[in-house]
Amino acid sequence: MLTQGLIDLRMKSTVLAATAVLPAAVFLAGGVGAEPPNNDEALPAGAADAPPPPPEDLPPPPPEDLPPPPPEDGAPPPPDDAPPPPAEMGPPPPFEGAPPPPPQDWGPPAPDLVTNWSMPAPQALPPGIANERGMQVKTILVSRSISEAFPQVHNMIGVRPDGQRWHPSGLAIDIMIPNAGSAEGIALGDEIVAYALRNAGRFALQDAIWRGTYYTPAGPSGGGNGHYDHVHITTFGGGYPNGGEEYLREEGEPAPA
């Protein structure tokens, strides 16, 4: 009986120990690695599935059934039912092997009014009858001008030995007058002197001598200077030519026929 009582006592102790240990084990198993819930932040039912609210500063989305607005910097697109643009009209392509069209007749050209109303450009004088070797440019201009203006003259003398410096320096020229003592010869000499005085600036004229009279651009003076068979003309020279000079006819002076 004593033995049976000891066995019953041990069994009861074991049951009591198991009963005390089991709640603690259950508590430890449920709380390992888990954080205690926050009752203040708990969300209501269905709140986790709802989308976040839109920002307050964004405009509402456009309705889905409206077309998109046209761009601000361009023309609106044409409607879908607009007719196509007309094709560019042009000449039909020529047939192969066809002859080319005849040239268009525009008639005679219009007259050049600018050319008709403008003054003719001065023309260069050809070399005269005098030997120009050693003469200065203004003396050459006198020689060429008188050769063209007075075809009656057939002889001129430019550079030659002389006691004065005019001829040796190329500053003077002698215009020999045919039949100098005749009325025709005297008249021809007078015309040449008058021509030289009219062109005194162009010729850089210093003087002219004819039948004893000494002429300058200021007028005639003195007497007894000889020169009865030729007209003597002296210029201020203008320097010796270098080959690039142009000796031009006087503006408005017609060329000889």
C-alpha atoms as a PDB file:
ATOM      1  CA  MET A   1       0.000   0.000   0.000  1.00  0.00           C
ATOM      2  CA  LEU A   2       2.862   2.287   0.795  1.00  0.00           C
ATOM      3  CA  THR A   3       4.394   1.623  -2.567  1.00  0.00           C
ATOM      4  CA  GLN A   4       1.165   2.378  -4.402  1.00  0.00           C
ATOM      5  CA  GLY A   5       0.832   5.672  -2.588  1.00  0.00           C
ATOM      6  CA  LEU A   6       4.338   6.757  -3.612  1.00  0.00           C
ATOM      7  CA  ILE A   7       3.545   6.005  -7.249  1.00  0.00           C
ATOM      8  CA  ASP A   8       0.343   8.043  -7.122  1.00  0.00           C
ATOM      9  CA  LEU A   9       2.189  10.923  -5.511  1.00  0.00           C
ATOM     10  CA  ARG A  10       4.851  11.003  -8.258  1.00  0.00           C
ATOM     11  CA  MET A  11       2.253  10.976 -11.021  1.00  0.00           C
ATOM     12  CA  LYS A  12       0.425  13.940  -9.517  1.00  0.00           C
ATOM     13  CA  SER A  13       3.666  15.895  -9.217  1.00  0.00           C
ATOM     14  CA  THR A  14       4.465  15.236 -12.861  1.00  0.00           C
ATOM     15  CA  VAL A  15       1.032  16.415 -14.007  1.00  0.00           C
ATOM     16  CA  LEU A  16       1.269  19.574 -11.959  1.00  0.00           C
ATOM     17  CA  ALA A  17       4.694  20.363 -13.363  1.00  0.00           C
ATOM     18  CA  ALA A  18       3.517  19.886 -16.929  1.00  0.00           C
ATOM     19  CA  THR A  19       0.503  22.055 -16.281  1.00  0.00           C
ATOM     20  CA  ALA A  20       2.721  24.875 -15.040  1.00  0.00           C
ATOM     21  CA  VAL A  21       5.274  24.654 -17.854  1.00  0.00           C
ATOM     22  CA  LEU A  22       2.821  24.441 -20.806  1.00  0.00           C
ATOM     23  CA  PRO A  23       1.431  28.061 -20.688  1.00  0.00           C
ATOM     24  CA  ALA A  24       4.920  29.511 -20.515  1.00  0.00           C
ATOM     25  CA  ALA A  25       6.040  27.502 -23.519  1.00  0.00           C
ATOM     26  CA  VAL A  26       3.029  28.607 -25.513  1.00  0.00           C
ATOM     27  CA  PHE A  27       3.678  32.280 -24.626  1.00  0.00           C
ATOM     28  CA  LEU A  28       7.345  32.105 -25.635  1.00  0.00           C
ATOM     29  CA  ALA A  29       6.578  30.324 -28.927  1.00  0.00           C
ATOM     30  CA  GLY A  30       4.067  32.998 -30.024  1.00  0.00           C
ATOM     31  CA  GLY A  31       6.224  36.020 -29.153  1.00  0.00           C
ATOM     32  CA  VAL A  32       9.635  35.061 -30.640  1.00  0.00           C
ATOM     33  CA  GLY A  33      10.669  37.622 -33.421  1.00  0.00           C
ATOM     34  CA  ALA A  34       7.320  39.486 -33.441  1.00  0.00           C
ATOM     35  CA  GLU A  35       6.724  43.086 -32.428  1.00  0.00           C
ATOM     36  CA  PRO A  36       3.739  43.942 -30.312  1.00  0.00           C
ATOM     37  CA  PRO A  37       0.941  45.544 -32.348  1.00  0.00           C
ATOM     38  CA  ASN A  38       0.307  49.279 -32.060  1.00  0.00           C
ATOM     39  CA  ASN A  39      -3.324  49.717 -31.298  1.00  0.00           C
ATOM     40  CA  ASP A  40      -3.159  53.487 -32.076  1.00  0.00           C
ATOM     41  CA  GLU A  41      -1.951  52.991 -35.736  1.00  0.00           C
ATOM     42  CA  ALA A  42      -4.237  50.131 -36.653  1.00  0.00           C
ATOM     43  CA  LEU A  43      -5.948  50.701 -40.066  1.00  0.00           C
ATOM     44  CA  PRO A  44      -9.628  50.092 -40.524  1.00  0.00           C
ATOM     45  CA  ALA A  45     -10.798  47.157 -42.546  1.00  0.00           C
ATOM     46  CA  GLY A  46     -10.233  47.630 -46.325  1.00  0.00           C
ATOM     47  CA  ALA A  47      -7.870  50.619 -45.891  1.00  0.00           C
ATOM     48  CA  ALA A  48      -4.822  48.652 -47.087  1.00  0.00           C
ATOM     49  CA  ASP A  49      -6.447  48.001 -50.483  1.00  0.00           C
ATOM     50  CA  ALA A  50      -7.494  51.662 -51.199  1.00  0.00           C
ATOM     51  CA  PRO A  51      -5.224  53.837 -53.545  1.00  0.00           C
ATOM     52  CA  PRO A  52      -3.391  56.792 -52.025  1.00  0.00           C
ATOM     53  CA  PRO A  53      -5.208  60.139 -52.303  1.00  0.00           C
ATOM     54  CA  PRO A  54      -4.083  62.376 -55.234  1.00  0.00           C
ATOM     55  CA  PRO A  55      -2.009  65.496 -54.493  1.00  0.00           C
ATOM     56  CA  GLU A  56      -4.047  68.607 -53.907  1.00  0.00           C
ATOM     57  CA  ASP A  57      -2.099  70.833 -56.469  1.00  0.00           C
ATOM     58  CA  LEU A  58      -2.598  68.651 -59.598  1.00  0.00           C
ATOM     59  CA  PRO A  59      -5.450  69.461 -62.066  1.00  0.00           C
ATOM     60  CA  PRO A  60      -8.161  66.866 -62.481  1.00  0.00           C
ATOM     61  CA  PRO A  61      -7.522  64.387 -65.313  1.00  0.00           C
ATOM     62  CA  PRO A  62      -9.354  65.131 -68.602  1.00  0.00           C
ATOM     63  CA  PRO A  63     -12.341  63.005 -69.500  1.00  0.00           C
ATOM     64  CA  GLU A  64     -11.391  59.959 -71.479  1.00  0.00           C
ATOM     65  CA  ASP A  65     -13.923  60.603 -74.284  1.00  0.00           C
ATOM     66  CA  LEU A  66     -12.523  64.038 -75.435  1.00  0.00           C
ATOM     67  CA  PRO A  67      -9.835  64.406 -78.215  1.00  0.00           C
ATOM     68  CA  PRO A  68      -6.434  65.755 -77.166  1.00  0.00           C
ATOM     69  CA  PRO A  69      -6.015  69.558 -77.509  1.00  0.00           C
ATOM     70  CA  PRO A  70      -4.074  70.825 -80.596  1.00  0.00           C
ATOM     71  CA  PRO A  71      -0.510  72.114 -80.094  1.00  0.00           C
ATOM     72  CA  GLU A  72      -0.287  75.788 -79.167  1.00  0.00           C
ATOM     73  CA  ASP A  73       2.336  76.787 -81.807  1.00  0.00           C
ATOM     74  CA  GLY A  74       0.869  75.116 -84.871  1.00  0.00           C
ATOM     75  CA  ALA A  75      -2.229  75.072 -87.016  1.00  0.00           C
ATOM     76  CA  PRO A  76      -4.974  72.646 -86.019  1.00  0.00           C
ATOM     77  CA  PRO A  77      -4.906  69.385 -87.930  1.00  0.00           C
ATOM     78  CA  PRO A  78      -7.438  69.061 -90.753  1.00  0.00           C
ATOM     79  CA  PRO A  79     -10.560  67.063 -90.016  1.00  0.00           C
ATOM     80  CA  ASP A  80     -10.648  63.457 -91.009  1.00  0.00           C
ATOM     81  CA  ASP A  81     -13.280  64.094 -93.713  1.00  0.00           C
ATOM     82  CA  ALA A  82     -11.388  67.012 -95.411  1.00  0.00           C
ATOM     83  CA  PRO A  83     -10.787  66.570 -99.182  1.00  0.00           C
ATOM     84  CA  PRO A  84      -7.183  65.995-100.333  1.00  0.00           C
ATOM     85  CA  PRO A  85      -5.210  69.076-101.560  1.00  0.00           C
ATOM     86  CA  PRO A  86      -5.311  69.693-105.345  1.00  0.00           C
ATOM     87  CA  ALA A  87      -2.374  68.423-107.344  1.00  0.00           C
ATOM     88  CA  GLU A  88       0.078  71.032-108.715  1.00  0.00           C
ATOM     89  CA  MET A  89      -0.698  71.899-112.324  1.00  0.00           C
ATOM     90  CA  GLY A  90       2.211  71.829-114.718  1.00  0.00           C
ATOM     91  CA  PRO A  91       2.920  71.272-118.386  1.00  0.00           C
ATOM     92  CA  PRO A  92       2.528  67.675-119.492  1.00  0.00           C
ATOM     93  CA  PRO A  93       5.775  65.842-120.134  1.00  0.00           C
ATOM     94  CA  PRO A  94       6.817  65.881-123.798  1.00  0.00           C
ATOM     95  CA  PHE A  95       6.368  62.789-125.850  1.00  0.00           C
ATOM     96  CA  GLU A  96       9.484  60.894-126.653  1.00  0.00           C
ATOM     97  CA  GLY A  97      10.705  61.672-130.132  1.00  0.00           C
ATOM     98  CA  ALA A  98       8.628  64.862-130.462  1.00  0.00           C
ATOM     99  CA  PRO A  99      10.426  67.873-132.061  1.00  0.00           C
ATOM    100  CA  PRO A 100      11.375  70.728-129.704  1.00  0.00           C
ATOM    101  CA  PRO A 101       9.005  73.711-129.622  1.00  0.00           C
ATOM    102  CA  PRO A 102       9.995  76.706-131.771  1.00  0.00           C
ATOM    103  CA  PRO A 103      11.719  79.580-129.968  1.00  0.00           C
ATOM    104  CA  GLN A 104       9.429  82.300-128.730  1.00  0.00           C
ATOM    105  CA  ASP A 105       9.512  85.474-130.797  1.00  0.00           C
ATOM    106  CA  TRP A 106      10.017  88.435-128.491  1.00  0.00           C
ATOM    107  CA  GLY A 107      10.366  90.957-131.306  1.00  0.00           C
ATOM    108  CA  PRO A 108      13.222  93.414-131.801  1.00  0.00           C
ATOM    109  CA  PRO A 109      15.127  94.473-128.683  1.00  0.00           C
ATOM    110  CA  ALA A 110      14.138  97.710-127.013  1.00  0.00           C
ATOM    111  CA  PRO A 111      16.455 100.645-127.678  1.00  0.00           C
ATOM    112  CA  ASP A 112      19.071 101.276-125.043  1.00  0.00           C
ATOM    113  CA  LEU A 113      17.935 104.636-123.730  1.00  0.00           C
ATOM    114  CA  VAL A 114      20.963 104.989-121.481  1.00  0.00           C
ATOM    115  CA  THR A 115      23.323 104.522-124.409  1.00  0.00           C
ATOM    116  CA  ASN A 116      21.312 106.842-126.667  1.00  0.00           C
ATOM    117  CA  TRP A 117      21.250 109.690-124.151  1.00  0.00           C
ATOM    118  CA  SER A 118      24.751 109.346-122.716  1.00  0.00           C
ATOM    119  CA  MET A 119      27.703 111.312-124.028  1.00  0.00           C
ATOM    120  CA  PRO A 120      30.177 109.349-126.129  1.00  0.00           C
ATOM    121  CA  ALA A 121      33.390 108.438-124.377  1.00  0.00           C
ATOM    122  CA  PRO A 122      36.503 110.294-125.548  1.00  0.00           C
ATOM    123  CA  GLN A 123      38.440 108.404-128.192  1.00  0.00           C
ATOM    124  CA  ALA A 124      42.182 107.965-128.366  1.00  0.00           C
ATOM    125  CA  LEU A 125      44.059 109.929-131.007  1.00  0.00           C
ATOM    126  CA  PRO A 126      46.261 107.981-133.415  1.00  0.00           C
ATOM    127  CA  PRO A 127      49.910 108.978-133.878  1.00  0.00           C
ATOM    128  CA  GLY A 128      50.349 112.131-135.957  1.00  0.00           C
ATOM    129  CA  ILE A 129      52.703 113.002-138.775  1.00  0.00           C
ATOM    130  CA  ALA A 130      55.506 114.207-136.461  1.00  0.00           C
ATOM    131  CA  ASN A 131      58.291 112.043-135.113  1.00  0.00           C
ATOM    132  CA  GLU A 132      57.384 111.791-131.415  1.00  0.00           C
ATOM    133  CA  ARG A 133      60.777 110.562-130.271  1.00  0.00           C
ATOM    134  CA  GLY A 134      62.083 112.795-127.452  1.00  0.00           C
ATOM    135  CA  MET A 135      58.868 114.835-127.142  1.00  0.00           C
ATOM    136  CA  GLN A 136      57.046 115.298-123.852  1.00  0.00           C
ATOM    137  CA  VAL A 137      53.429 114.197-123.441  1.00  0.00           C
ATOM    138  CA  LYS A 138      51.714 117.574-123.917  1.00  0.00           C
ATOM    139  CA  THR A 139      53.739 118.260-127.046  1.00  0.00           C
ATOM    140  CA  ILE A 140      52.734 114.827-128.371  1.00  0.00           C
ATOM    141  CA  LEU A 141      49.082 115.712-127.680  1.00  0.00           C
ATOM    142  CA  VAL A 142      49.486 118.935-129.709  1.00  0.00           C
ATOM    143  CA  SER A 143      51.082 117.013-132.577  1.00  0.00           C
ATOM    144  CA  ARG A 144      48.348 114.356-132.724  1.00  0.00           C
ATOM    145  CA  SER A 145      45.484 116.825-132.321  1.00  0.00           C
ATOM    146  CA  ILE A 146      46.678 119.181-135.071  1.00  0.00           C
ATOM    147  CA  SER A 147      47.480 116.248-137.378  1.00  0.00           C
ATOM    148  CA  GLU A 148      43.858 115.113-137.108  1.00  0.00           C
ATOM    149  CA  ALA A 149      42.201 118.547-137.126  1.00  0.00           C
ATOM    150  CA  PHE A 150      44.237 119.951-140.048  1.00  0.00           C
ATOM    151  CA  PRO A 151      44.894 117.323-142.692  1.00  0.00           C
ATOM    152  CA  GLN A 152      46.294 120.086-144.962  1.00  0.00           C
ATOM    153  CA  VAL A 153      49.496 119.979-142.896  1.00  0.00           C
ATOM    154  CA  HIS A 154      52.010 117.390-144.116  1.00  0.00           C
ATOM    155  CA  ASN A 155      55.113 118.154-142.083  1.00  0.00           C
ATOM    156  CA  MET A 156      55.940 118.853-138.428  1.00  0.00           C
ATOM    157  CA  ILE A 157      59.302 119.087-136.668  1.00  0.00           C
ATOM    158  CA  GLY A 158      59.610 118.268-132.987  1.00  0.00           C
ATOM    159  CA  VAL A 159      62.976 117.582-131.360  1.00  0.00           C
ATOM    160  CA  ARG A 160      65.889 119.279-133.139  1.00  0.00           C
ATOM    161  CA  PRO A 161      69.107 121.077-132.213  1.00  0.00           C
ATOM    162  CA  ASP A 162      68.562 124.702-131.290  1.00  0.00           C
ATOM    163  CA  GLY A 163      70.167 127.450-129.270  1.00  0.00           C
ATOM    164  CA  GLN A 164      67.092 127.606-127.041  1.00  0.00           C
ATOM    165  CA  ARG A 165      66.039 124.683-124.850  1.00  0.00           C
ATOM    166  CA  TRP A 166      62.480 124.296-126.168  1.00  0.00           C
ATOM    167  CA  HIS A 167      63.063 122.001-129.135  1.00  0.00           C
ATOM    168  CA  PRO A 168      65.918 119.912-127.678  1.00  0.00           C
ATOM    169  CA  SER A 169      63.845 119.295-124.508  1.00  0.00           C
ATOM    170  CA  GLY A 170      60.753 118.107-126.388  1.00  0.00           C
ATOM    171  CA  LEU A 171      58.713 121.153-125.366  1.00  0.00           C
ATOM    172  CA  ALA A 172      58.186 122.724-128.812  1.00  0.00           C
ATOM    173  CA  ILE A 173      56.957 121.706-132.245  1.00  0.00           C
ATOM    174  CA  ASP A 174      56.988 123.530-135.609  1.00  0.00           C
ATOM    175  CA  ILE A 175      53.918 123.102-137.857  1.00  0.00           C
ATOM    176  CA  MET A 176      55.058 123.731-141.412  1.00  0.00           C
ATOM    177  CA  ILE A 177      52.441 125.644-143.466  1.00  0.00           C
ATOM    178  CA  PRO A 178      52.080 124.766-147.175  1.00  0.00           C
ATOM    179  CA  ASN A 179      52.328 127.912-149.358  1.00  0.00           C
ATOM    180  CA  ALA A 180      52.824 129.943-146.204  1.00  0.00           C
ATOM    181  CA  GLY A 181      52.950 133.271-148.073  1.00  0.00           C
ATOM    182  CA  SER A 182      49.663 132.745-149.895  1.00  0.00           C
ATOM    183  CA  ALA A 183      46.275 133.823-148.633  1.00  0.00           C
ATOM    184  CA  GLU A 184      45.330 130.200-148.061  1.00  0.00           C
ATOM    185  CA  GLY A 185      48.567 129.548-146.170  1.00  0.00           C
ATOM    186  CA  ILE A 186      48.178 132.606-143.953  1.00  0.00           C
ATOM    187  CA  ALA A 187      44.560 131.676-143.203  1.00  0.00           C
ATOM    188  CA  LEU A 188      45.625 128.123-142.319  1.00  0.00           C
ATOM    189  CA  GLY A 189      48.296 129.422-139.926  1.00  0.00           C
ATOM    190  CA  ASP A 190      45.793 131.754-138.289  1.00  0.00           C
ATOM    191  CA  GLU A 191      43.359 128.847-137.792  1.00  0.00           C
ATOM    192  CA  ILE A 192      46.053 126.699-136.172  1.00  0.00           C
ATOM    193  CA  VAL A 193      46.987 129.490-133.740  1.00  0.00           C
ATOM    194  CA  ALA A 194      43.326 130.048-132.830  1.00  0.00           C
ATOM    195  CA  TYR A 195      42.854 126.285-132.317  1.00  0.00           C
ATOM    196  CA  ALA A 196      45.875 126.124-130.006  1.00  0.00           C
ATOM    197  CA  LEU A 197      44.614 129.055-127.927  1.00  0.00           C
ATOM    198  CA  ARG A 198      41.146 127.489-127.581  1.00  0.00           C
ATOM    199  CA  ASN A 199      42.788 124.340-126.195  1.00  0.00           C
ATOM    200  CA  ALA A 200      45.394 126.149-124.092  1.00  0.00           C
ATOM    201  CA  GLY A 201      44.436 124.334-120.895  1.00  0.00           C
ATOM    202  CA  ARG A 202      44.272 120.920-122.535  1.00  0.00           C
ATOM    203  CA  PHE A 203      47.615 121.435-124.276  1.00  0.00           C
ATOM    204  CA  ALA A 204      49.322 123.120-121.290  1.00  0.00           C
ATOM    205  CA  LEU A 205      50.154 125.845-123.815  1.00  0.00           C
ATOM    206  CA  GLN A 206      52.961 128.260-123.057  1.00  0.00           C
ATOM    207  CA  ASP A 207      53.025 130.241-126.304  1.00  0.00           C
ATOM    208  CA  ALA A 208      52.590 130.228-130.088  1.00  0.00           C
ATOM    209  CA  ILE A 209      54.516 132.299-132.658  1.00  0.00           C
ATOM    210  CA  TRP A 210      53.254 133.039-136.170  1.00  0.00           C
ATOM    211  CA  ARG A 211      54.225 135.724-138.678  1.00  0.00           C
ATOM    212  CA  GLY A 212      56.181 137.827-136.167  1.00  0.00           C
ATOM    213  CA  THR A 213      53.485 137.823-133.427  1.00  0.00           C
ATOM    214  CA  TYR A 214      53.978 136.178-130.032  1.00  0.00           C
ATOM    215  CA  TYR A 215      50.756 134.650-128.661  1.00  0.00           C
ATOM    216  CA  THR A 216      50.009 133.463-125.107  1.00  0.00           C
ATOM    217  CA  PRO A 217      46.714 132.447-123.469  1.00  0.00           C
ATOM    218  CA  ALA A 218      46.537 136.048-122.251  1.00  0.00           C
ATOM    219  CA  GLY A 219      46.584 137.370-125.842  1.00  0.00           C
ATOM    220  CA  PRO A 220      49.025 138.492-128.594  1.00  0.00           C
ATOM    221  CA  SER A 221      51.985 140.740-127.927  1.00  0.00           C
ATOM    222  CA  GLY A 222      55.076 142.170-129.614  1.00  0.00           C
ATOM    223  CA  GLY A 223      56.312 141.767-133.149  1.00  0.00           C
ATOM    224  CA  GLY A 224      59.414 140.986-135.158  1.00  0.00           C
ATOM    225  CA  ASN A 225      59.596 137.388-133.984  1.00  0.00           C
ATOM    226  CA  GLY A 226      59.885 135.769-137.437  1.00  0.00           C
ATOM    227  CA  HIS A 227      58.230 132.371-138.047  1.00  0.00           C
ATOM    228  CA  TYR A 228      56.706 133.172-141.433  1.00  0.00           C
ATOM    229  CA  ASP A 229      56.741 129.658-142.856  1.00  0.00           C
ATOM    230  CA  HIS A 230      55.611 127.686-139.790  1.00  0.00           C
ATOM    231  CA  VAL A 231      53.627 128.031-136.568  1.00  0.00           C
ATOM    232  CA  HIS A 232      55.809 127.505-133.507  1.00  0.00           C
ATOM    233  CA  ILE A 233      54.017 126.061-130.433  1.00  0.00           C
ATOM    234  CA  THR A 234      55.597 125.612-126.981  1.00  0.00           C
ATOM    235  CA  THR A 235      54.037 123.598-124.124  1.00  0.00           C
ATOM    236  CA  PHE A 236      54.913 123.110-120.474  1.00  0.00           C
ATOM    237  CA  GLY A 237      55.747 119.514-121.337  1.00  0.00           C
ATOM    238  CA  GLY A 238      54.070 117.323-118.737  1.00  0.00           C
ATOM    239  CA  GLY A 239      56.995 114.897-118.564  1.00  0.00           C
ATOM    240  CA  TYR A 240      58.279 112.205-120.875  1.00  0.00           C
ATOM    241  CA  PRO A 241      56.006 109.289-121.774  1.00  0.00           C
ATOM    242  CA  ASN A 242      56.439 105.851-120.218  1.00  0.00           C
ATOM    243  CA  GLY A 243      54.310 103.902-122.692  1.00  0.00           C
ATOM    244  CA  GLY A 244      51.003 103.839-120.782  1.00  0.00           C
ATOM    245  CA  GLU A 245      49.653 107.249-121.810  1.00  0.00           C
ATOM    246  CA  GLU A 246      46.407 107.827-123.692  1.00  0.00           C
ATOM    247  CA  TYR A 247      46.120 110.896-125.911  1.00  0.00           C
ATOM    248  CA  LEU A 248      42.405 111.566-126.103  1.00  0.00           C
ATOM    249  CA  ARG A 249      40.430 113.605-128.555  1.00  0.00           C
ATOM    250  CA  GLU A 250      38.702 116.644-127.113  1.00  0.00           C
ATOM    251  CA  GLU A 251      35.221 115.867-125.735  1.00  0.00           C
ATOM    252  CA  GLY A 252      32.571 116.781-128.270  1.00  0.00           C
ATOM    253  CA  GLU A 253      35.128 117.074-131.069  1.00  0.00           C
ATOM    254  CA  PRO A 254      34.020 114.857-133.967  1.00  0.00           C
ATOM    255  CA  ALA A 255      36.480 112.537-135.593  1.00  0.00           C
ATOM    256  CA  PRO A 256      37.420 113.436-139.162  1.00  0.00           C
ATOM    257  CA  ALA A 257      35.267 111.804-141.842  1.00  0.00           C
END
